[in-house]
Amino acid sequence: MQKDIIAIPSERIISRIFLVRGKKVMIDRDLAELYEVETRTLNQAVRRNINRFPLDFMFRLSEKEFKNLRSQIETSTWGGRRYLPYVFTEQGVAMLSSCG
């Protein structure tokens, strides 16, 4: 997942940060888009390095949390997901950048 460093406008990142379980998190799909990889690829990298991602770095949303989040987001690009998404805290996002 290592990519050349590119400047991403802060508004693009800030608009993708949500509060879940009292933590500021980003959804796997949004992170994959920012890293310019498929969500599947991002999650495969996480599974290969799962011991580097404790619960305070990432967790899977519950069905209720996922439905609540979907209702807050004005887009309908959530279709086709077979699994509940992972979300990543700031520490988890930092850890993702070192996964390859």
C-alpha atoms as a PDB file:
ATOM      1  CA  MET A   1       0.000   0.000   0.000  1.00  0.00           C
ATOM      2  CA  GLN A   2       2.993   2.304   0.014  1.00  0.00           C
ATOM      3  CA  LYS A   3       2.305   5.185  -2.380  1.00  0.00           C
ATOM      4  CA  ASP A   4       4.076   8.399  -3.214  1.00  0.00           C
ATOM      5  CA  ILE A   5       3.086  11.171  -0.817  1.00  0.00           C
ATOM      6  CA  ILE A   6       0.410  13.365  -2.320  1.00  0.00           C
ATOM      7  CA  ALA A   7      -1.245  16.399  -0.818  1.00  0.00           C
ATOM      8  CA  ILE A   8      -4.895  15.780  -0.003  1.00  0.00           C
ATOM      9  CA  PRO A   9      -6.996  18.831   0.815  1.00  0.00           C
ATOM     10  CA  SER A  10      -7.845  18.833   4.527  1.00  0.00           C
ATOM     11  CA  GLU A  11     -11.559  19.389   3.782  1.00  0.00           C
ATOM     12  CA  ARG A  12     -11.604  16.081   1.901  1.00  0.00           C
ATOM     13  CA  ILE A  13     -10.261  14.294   4.968  1.00  0.00           C
ATOM     14  CA  ILE A  14     -12.221  16.174   7.633  1.00  0.00           C
ATOM     15  CA  SER A  15     -15.524  15.450   5.894  1.00  0.00           C
ATOM     16  CA  ARG A  16     -14.788  11.722   6.200  1.00  0.00           C
ATOM     17  CA  ILE A  17     -14.153  11.663   9.948  1.00  0.00           C
ATOM     18  CA  PHE A  18     -17.036  10.369  12.054  1.00  0.00           C
ATOM     19  CA  LEU A  19     -17.612   9.931  15.766  1.00  0.00           C
ATOM     20  CA  VAL A  20     -18.296   6.287  16.674  1.00  0.00           C
ATOM     21  CA  ARG A  21     -18.080   4.857  20.204  1.00  0.00           C
ATOM     22  CA  GLY A  22     -16.669   8.176  21.341  1.00  0.00           C
ATOM     23  CA  LYS A  23     -13.731   7.941  18.917  1.00  0.00           C
ATOM     24  CA  LYS A  24     -12.994   9.892  15.763  1.00  0.00           C
ATOM     25  CA  VAL A  25     -12.738   7.313  12.983  1.00  0.00           C
ATOM     26  CA  MET A  26     -12.503   6.909   9.227  1.00  0.00           C
ATOM     27  CA  ILE A  27     -14.279   4.152   7.300  1.00  0.00           C
ATOM     28  CA  ASP A  28     -12.246   1.566   5.390  1.00  0.00           C
ATOM     29  CA  ARG A  29     -13.897   2.551   2.104  1.00  0.00           C
ATOM     30  CA  ASP A  30     -12.952   6.217   2.498  1.00  0.00           C
ATOM     31  CA  LEU A  31      -9.381   5.384   3.475  1.00  0.00           C
ATOM     32  CA  ALA A  32      -9.033   3.059   0.502  1.00  0.00           C
ATOM     33  CA  GLU A  33     -10.191   5.863  -1.774  1.00  0.00           C
ATOM     34  CA  LEU A  34      -7.694   8.300  -0.250  1.00  0.00           C
ATOM     35  CA  TYR A  35      -4.901   5.706  -0.615  1.00  0.00           C
ATOM     36  CA  GLU A  36      -6.090   5.005  -4.179  1.00  0.00           C
ATOM     37  CA  VAL A  37      -6.584   1.278  -3.600  1.00  0.00           C
ATOM     38  CA  GLU A  38      -9.640  -0.965  -3.508  1.00  0.00           C
ATOM     39  CA  THR A  39     -11.315  -1.435  -0.130  1.00  0.00           C
ATOM     40  CA  ARG A  40     -10.659  -5.163  -0.496  1.00  0.00           C
ATOM     41  CA  THR A  41      -6.919  -4.492  -0.919  1.00  0.00           C
ATOM     42  CA  LEU A  42      -6.799  -2.236   2.139  1.00  0.00           C
ATOM     43  CA  ASN A  43      -8.591  -4.831   4.281  1.00  0.00           C
ATOM     44  CA  GLN A  44      -6.292  -7.607   3.011  1.00  0.00           C
ATOM     45  CA  ALA A  45      -3.277  -5.565   4.142  1.00  0.00           C
ATOM     46  CA  VAL A  46      -4.915  -5.185   7.558  1.00  0.00           C
ATOM     47  CA  ARG A  47      -5.600  -8.932   7.838  1.00  0.00           C
ATOM     48  CA  ARG A  48      -1.967  -9.699   6.940  1.00  0.00           C
ATOM     49  CA  ASN A  49      -0.872  -7.362   9.766  1.00  0.00           C
ATOM     50  CA  ILE A  50      -3.778  -7.855  12.180  1.00  0.00           C
ATOM     51  CA  ASN A  51      -1.527  -8.028  15.262  1.00  0.00           C
ATOM     52  CA  ARG A  52      -0.597  -4.376  14.606  1.00  0.00           C
ATOM     53  CA  PHE A  53      -4.233  -3.248  14.930  1.00  0.00           C
ATOM     54  CA  PRO A  54      -5.560  -3.497  18.503  1.00  0.00           C
ATOM     55  CA  LEU A  55      -9.167  -2.464  19.237  1.00  0.00           C
ATOM     56  CA  ASP A  56      -8.172   1.122  19.944  1.00  0.00           C
ATOM     57  CA  PHE A  57      -6.724   1.317  16.390  1.00  0.00           C
ATOM     58  CA  MET A  58      -9.644  -0.225  14.466  1.00  0.00           C
ATOM     59  CA  PHE A  59     -12.872  -2.120  14.905  1.00  0.00           C
ATOM     60  CA  ARG A  60     -15.763  -3.412  12.841  1.00  0.00           C
ATOM     61  CA  LEU A  61     -19.014  -1.445  13.013  1.00  0.00           C
ATOM     62  CA  SER A  62     -22.096  -3.105  14.435  1.00  0.00           C
ATOM     63  CA  GLU A  63     -25.192  -3.329  12.225  1.00  0.00           C
ATOM     64  CA  LYS A  64     -26.832  -0.526  14.247  1.00  0.00           C
ATOM     65  CA  GLU A  65     -23.738   1.725  13.977  1.00  0.00           C
ATOM     66  CA  PHE A  66     -23.536   1.067  10.239  1.00  0.00           C
ATOM     67  CA  LYS A  67     -27.202   1.948   9.681  1.00  0.00           C
ATOM     68  CA  ASN A  68     -26.812   5.097  11.789  1.00  0.00           C
ATOM     69  CA  LEU A  69     -23.732   6.158   9.833  1.00  0.00           C
ATOM     70  CA  ARG A  70     -25.427   5.493   6.507  1.00  0.00           C
ATOM     71  CA  SER A  71     -28.298   7.750   7.531  1.00  0.00           C
ATOM     72  CA  GLN A  72     -25.820  10.580   8.250  1.00  0.00           C
ATOM     73  CA  ILE A  73     -24.075  10.344   4.891  1.00  0.00           C
ATOM     74  CA  GLU A  74     -25.842  11.780   1.857  1.00  0.00           C
ATOM     75  CA  THR A  75     -24.314   9.360  -0.645  1.00  0.00           C
ATOM     76  CA  SER A  76     -25.676   6.023  -1.782  1.00  0.00           C
ATOM     77  CA  THR A  77     -22.370   4.360  -2.654  1.00  0.00           C
ATOM     78  CA  TRP A  78     -22.721   1.818   0.157  1.00  0.00           C
ATOM     79  CA  GLY A  79     -24.385  -0.791  -2.018  1.00  0.00           C
ATOM     80  CA  GLY A  80     -22.917  -4.227  -2.491  1.00  0.00           C
ATOM     81  CA  ARG A  81     -21.134  -4.573   0.848  1.00  0.00           C
ATOM     82  CA  ARG A  82     -21.274  -8.111   2.159  1.00  0.00           C
ATOM     83  CA  TYR A  83     -19.530  -7.314   5.429  1.00  0.00           C
ATOM     84  CA  LEU A  84     -19.829  -4.554   7.973  1.00  0.00           C
ATOM     85  CA  PRO A  85     -17.055  -2.001   7.438  1.00  0.00           C
ATOM     86  CA  TYR A  86     -13.969  -1.540   9.553  1.00  0.00           C
ATOM     87  CA  VAL A  87     -13.288   1.896  10.966  1.00  0.00           C
ATOM     88  CA  PHE A  88      -9.858   3.212  11.914  1.00  0.00           C
ATOM     89  CA  THR A  89      -8.842   5.639  14.638  1.00  0.00           C
ATOM     90  CA  GLU A  90      -6.031   8.132  14.110  1.00  0.00           C
ATOM     91  CA  GLN A  91      -3.527   5.537  15.368  1.00  0.00           C
ATOM     92  CA  GLY A  92      -5.000   2.969  12.999  1.00  0.00           C
ATOM     93  CA  VAL A  93      -4.697   5.327  10.046  1.00  0.00           C
ATOM     94  CA  ALA A  94      -1.043   5.911  10.939  1.00  0.00           C
ATOM     95  CA  MET A  95      -0.481   2.146  11.166  1.00  0.00           C
ATOM     96  CA  LEU A  96      -2.105   1.650   7.739  1.00  0.00           C
ATOM     97  CA  SER A  97       0.488   3.878   6.146  1.00  0.00           C
ATOM     98  CA  SER A  98       3.212   1.444   7.224  1.00  0.00           C
ATOM     99  CA  CYS A  99       1.434  -1.714   5.997  1.00  0.00           C
ATOM    100  CA  GLY A 100       2.571  -3.032   2.686  1.00  0.00           C
END
